[in-house]
C-alpha atoms as a PDB file:
ATOM      1  CA  MET A   1       0.000   0.000   0.000  1.00  0.00           C
ATOM      2  CA  LEU A   2       2.843   2.409   0.796  1.00  0.00           C
ATOM      3  CA  ASN A   3       4.380   1.707  -2.598  1.00  0.00           C
ATOM      4  CA  ARG A   4       1.093   2.595  -4.327  1.00  0.00           C
ATOM      5  CA  LEU A   5       0.831   5.852  -2.391  1.00  0.00           C
ATOM      6  CA  ALA A   6       4.435   6.735  -3.215  1.00  0.00           C
ATOM      7  CA  GLU A   7       3.853   6.008  -6.922  1.00  0.00           C
ATOM      8  CA  GLN A   8       0.680   8.064  -6.924  1.00  0.00           C
ATOM      9  CA  ALA A   9       2.444  10.992  -5.226  1.00  0.00           C
ATOM     10  CA  ARG A  10       5.303  10.768  -7.763  1.00  0.00           C
ATOM     11  CA  ALA A  11       2.823  10.717 -10.679  1.00  0.00           C
ATOM     12  CA  ASP A  12       0.981  13.754  -9.286  1.00  0.00           C
ATOM     13  CA  THR A  13       4.252  15.656  -8.906  1.00  0.00           C
ATOM     14  CA  GLU A  14       5.339  14.851 -12.465  1.00  0.00           C
ATOM     15  CA  ALA A  15       1.943  15.880 -13.851  1.00  0.00           C
ATOM     16  CA  ALA A  16       2.125  19.228 -12.042  1.00  0.00           C
ATOM     17  CA  ALA A  17       5.627  20.041 -13.303  1.00  0.00           C
ATOM     18  CA  PRO A  18       5.653  22.147 -16.473  1.00  0.00           C
ATOM     19  CA  ALA A  19       6.771  20.269 -19.526  1.00  0.00           C
ATOM     20  CA  PRO A  20       9.434  21.967 -21.637  1.00  0.00           C
ATOM     21  CA  ALA A  21       8.085  23.104 -24.986  1.00  0.00           C
ATOM     22  CA  GLN A  22       9.526  24.852 -27.977  1.00  0.00           C
ATOM     23  CA  VAL A  23       7.184  27.566 -29.163  1.00  0.00           C
ATOM     24  CA  ALA A  24       9.106  28.592 -32.248  1.00  0.00           C
ATOM     25  CA  GLY A  25      12.659  28.510 -33.493  1.00  0.00           C
ATOM     26  CA  PRO A  26      15.619  29.813 -31.538  1.00  0.00           C
ATOM     27  CA  ALA A  27      15.398  33.323 -30.134  1.00  0.00           C
ATOM     28  CA  VAL A  28      17.075  35.868 -32.371  1.00  0.00           C
ATOM     29  CA  LEU A  29      17.855  39.476 -31.482  1.00  0.00           C
ATOM     30  CA  LEU A  30      16.524  41.840 -34.111  1.00  0.00           C
ATOM     31  CA  ILE A  31      19.124  44.392 -33.017  1.00  0.00           C
ATOM     32  CA  PRO A  32      22.383  42.567 -32.278  1.00  0.00           C
ATOM     33  CA  TYR A  33      24.954  43.842 -29.830  1.00  0.00           C
ATOM     34  CA  ARG A  34      27.650  45.809 -31.597  1.00  0.00           C
ATOM     35  CA  SER A  35      30.346  43.443 -30.357  1.00  0.00           C
ATOM     36  CA  ASP A  36      28.475  40.468 -31.879  1.00  0.00           C
ATOM     37  CA  ALA A  37      27.902  41.990 -35.322  1.00  0.00           C
ATOM     38  CA  ALA A  38      30.553  42.337 -37.981  1.00  0.00           C
ATOM     39  CA  ASP A  39      29.175  45.657 -39.225  1.00  0.00           C
ATOM     40  CA  GLU A  40      26.023  47.745 -39.255  1.00  0.00           C
ATOM     41  CA  GLY A  41      24.708  45.686 -42.164  1.00  0.00           C
ATOM     42  CA  ALA A  42      23.338  43.337 -39.498  1.00  0.00           C
ATOM     43  CA  LEU A  43      20.849  46.040 -38.477  1.00  0.00           C
ATOM     44  CA  PRO A  44      17.390  46.420 -40.051  1.00  0.00           C
ATOM     45  CA  GLY A  45      17.063  49.262 -42.570  1.00  0.00           C
ATOM     46  CA  ASP A  46      15.304  51.793 -40.340  1.00  0.00           C
ATOM     47  CA  TYR A  47      17.957  51.361 -37.642  1.00  0.00           C
ATOM     48  CA  ARG A  48      20.726  51.863 -40.235  1.00  0.00           C
ATOM     49  CA  LYS A  49      19.052  55.128 -41.309  1.00  0.00           C
ATOM     50  CA  ILE A  50      18.961  56.361 -37.705  1.00  0.00           C
ATOM     51  CA  LEU A  51      22.610  55.444 -37.236  1.00  0.00           C
ATOM     52  CA  ALA A  52      23.584  57.265 -40.458  1.00  0.00           C
ATOM     53  CA  ILE A  53      21.741  60.441 -39.409  1.00  0.00           C
ATOM     54  CA  VAL A  54      23.445  60.490 -36.018  1.00  0.00           C
ATOM     55  CA  ARG A  55      26.868  59.914 -37.623  1.00  0.00           C
ATOM     56  CA  GLU A  56      26.333  62.764 -40.116  1.00  0.00           C
ATOM     57  CA  ALA A  57      25.522  65.226 -37.348  1.00  0.00           C
ATOM     58  CA  ASP A  58      28.195  67.659 -36.176  1.00  0.00           C
ATOM     59  CA  GLY A  59      27.553  66.833 -32.520  1.00  0.00           C
ATOM     60  CA  PRO A  60      25.013  65.275 -30.194  1.00  0.00           C
ATOM     61  CA  VAL A  61      21.509  65.105 -31.666  1.00  0.00           C
ATOM     62  CA  GLN A  62      18.065  65.157 -30.143  1.00  0.00           C
ATOM     63  CA  VAL A  63      15.420  62.637 -31.083  1.00  0.00           C
ATOM     64  CA  ARG A  64      13.387  65.488 -32.583  1.00  0.00           C
ATOM     65  CA  ALA A  65      16.150  66.326 -35.078  1.00  0.00           C
ATOM     66  CA  VAL A  66      16.437  62.704 -36.187  1.00  0.00           C
ATOM     67  CA  GLY A  67      12.649  62.516 -36.523  1.00  0.00           C
ATOM     68  CA  GLU A  68      12.600  65.603 -38.709  1.00  0.00           C
ATOM     69  CA  ARG A  69      15.281  64.118 -40.968  1.00  0.00           C
ATOM     70  CA  LEU A  70      13.212  60.939 -41.245  1.00  0.00           C
ATOM     71  CA  GLY A  71      10.128  62.974 -42.200  1.00  0.00           C
ATOM     72  CA  LEU A  72       8.193  62.316 -38.988  1.00  0.00           C
ATOM     73  CA  ASP A  73       5.802  64.852 -37.477  1.00  0.00           C
ATOM     74  CA  ALA A  74       8.075  66.265 -34.775  1.00  0.00           C
ATOM     75  CA  SER A  75       5.533  68.828 -33.560  1.00  0.00           C
ATOM     76  CA  VAL A  76       3.723  66.157 -31.536  1.00  0.00           C
ATOM     77  CA  ARG A  77       5.906  64.624 -28.833  1.00  0.00           C
ATOM     78  CA  GLY A  78       4.041  61.317 -28.820  1.00  0.00           C
ATOM     79  CA  LYS A  79       4.859  60.753 -32.474  1.00  0.00           C
ATOM     80  CA  LEU A  80       8.556  60.518 -31.598  1.00  0.00           C
ATOM     81  CA  GLU A  81       8.329  57.977 -28.771  1.00  0.00           C
ATOM     82  CA  HIS A  82       8.802  54.955 -31.027  1.00  0.00           C
ATOM     83  CA  LEU A  83      11.879  56.640 -32.500  1.00  0.00           C
ATOM     84  CA  ARG A  84      13.195  57.385 -29.008  1.00  0.00           C
ATOM     85  CA  ALA A  85      12.734  53.694 -28.145  1.00  0.00           C
ATOM     86  CA  LYS A  86      14.679  52.618 -31.237  1.00  0.00           C
ATOM     87  CA  MET A  87      17.520  55.024 -30.499  1.00  0.00           C
ATOM     88  CA  THR A  88      17.649  53.904 -26.879  1.00  0.00           C
ATOM     89  CA  LYS A  89      17.788  50.284 -28.033  1.00  0.00           C
ATOM     90  CA  LEU A  90      20.699  51.165 -30.322  1.00  0.00           C
ATOM     91  CA  ALA A  91      22.428  52.804 -27.357  1.00  0.00           C
ATOM     92  CA  ASP A  92      21.751  49.823 -25.103  1.00  0.00           C
ATOM     93  CA  ARG A  93      23.303  47.511 -27.673  1.00  0.00           C
ATOM     94  CA  GLY A  94      26.405  49.670 -28.144  1.00  0.00           C
ATOM     95  CA  TRP A  95      25.696  51.264 -31.530  1.00  0.00           C
ATOM     96  CA  LEU A  96      25.006  54.764 -30.144  1.00  0.00           C
ATOM     97  CA  HIS A  97      25.885  56.628 -26.966  1.00  0.00           C
ATOM     98  CA  LYS A  98      23.056  58.200 -24.974  1.00  0.00           C
ATOM     99  CA  ARG A  99      24.197  61.237 -23.026  1.00  0.00           C
ATOM    100  CA  GLY A 100      22.801  62.333 -19.695  1.00  0.00           C
ATOM    101  CA  ASP A 101      20.875  65.169 -21.334  1.00  0.00           C
ATOM    102  CA  GLY A 102      18.976  62.718 -23.571  1.00  0.00           C
ATOM    103  CA  ARG A 103      20.891  63.467 -26.755  1.00  0.00           C
ATOM    104  CA  PHE A 104      22.677  60.799 -28.781  1.00  0.00           C
ATOM    105  CA  THR A 105      26.106  60.566 -30.369  1.00  0.00           C
ATOM    106  CA  ALA A 106      27.713  57.971 -32.607  1.00  0.00           C
ATOM    107  CA  ARG A 107      30.249  55.593 -31.147  1.00  0.00           C
ATOM    108  CA  PRO A 108      33.654  55.596 -32.827  1.00  0.00           C
END
């Protein structure tokens, strides 16, 4: 009887444990870390455009200036938030440098 109870407890525990599952293929970063990528060709097109605009600038640039160059409506702050998120992601991955004042510069 004790063996049956032990087996039943083991079966209940195994049933409650989550089974590993593969939802899709391997996880892939859309924006790779700069150290992992050979060049900026690994970036999607819109991120390469942002990087080119920041590199062409004489100094640190605001998100608004990049938005204007991309043809976005810079008069409404909310319209630039997705661009700010992209530029921050580029900075987090080492492609740009985000300064304390919120402006961005290109990394050498």
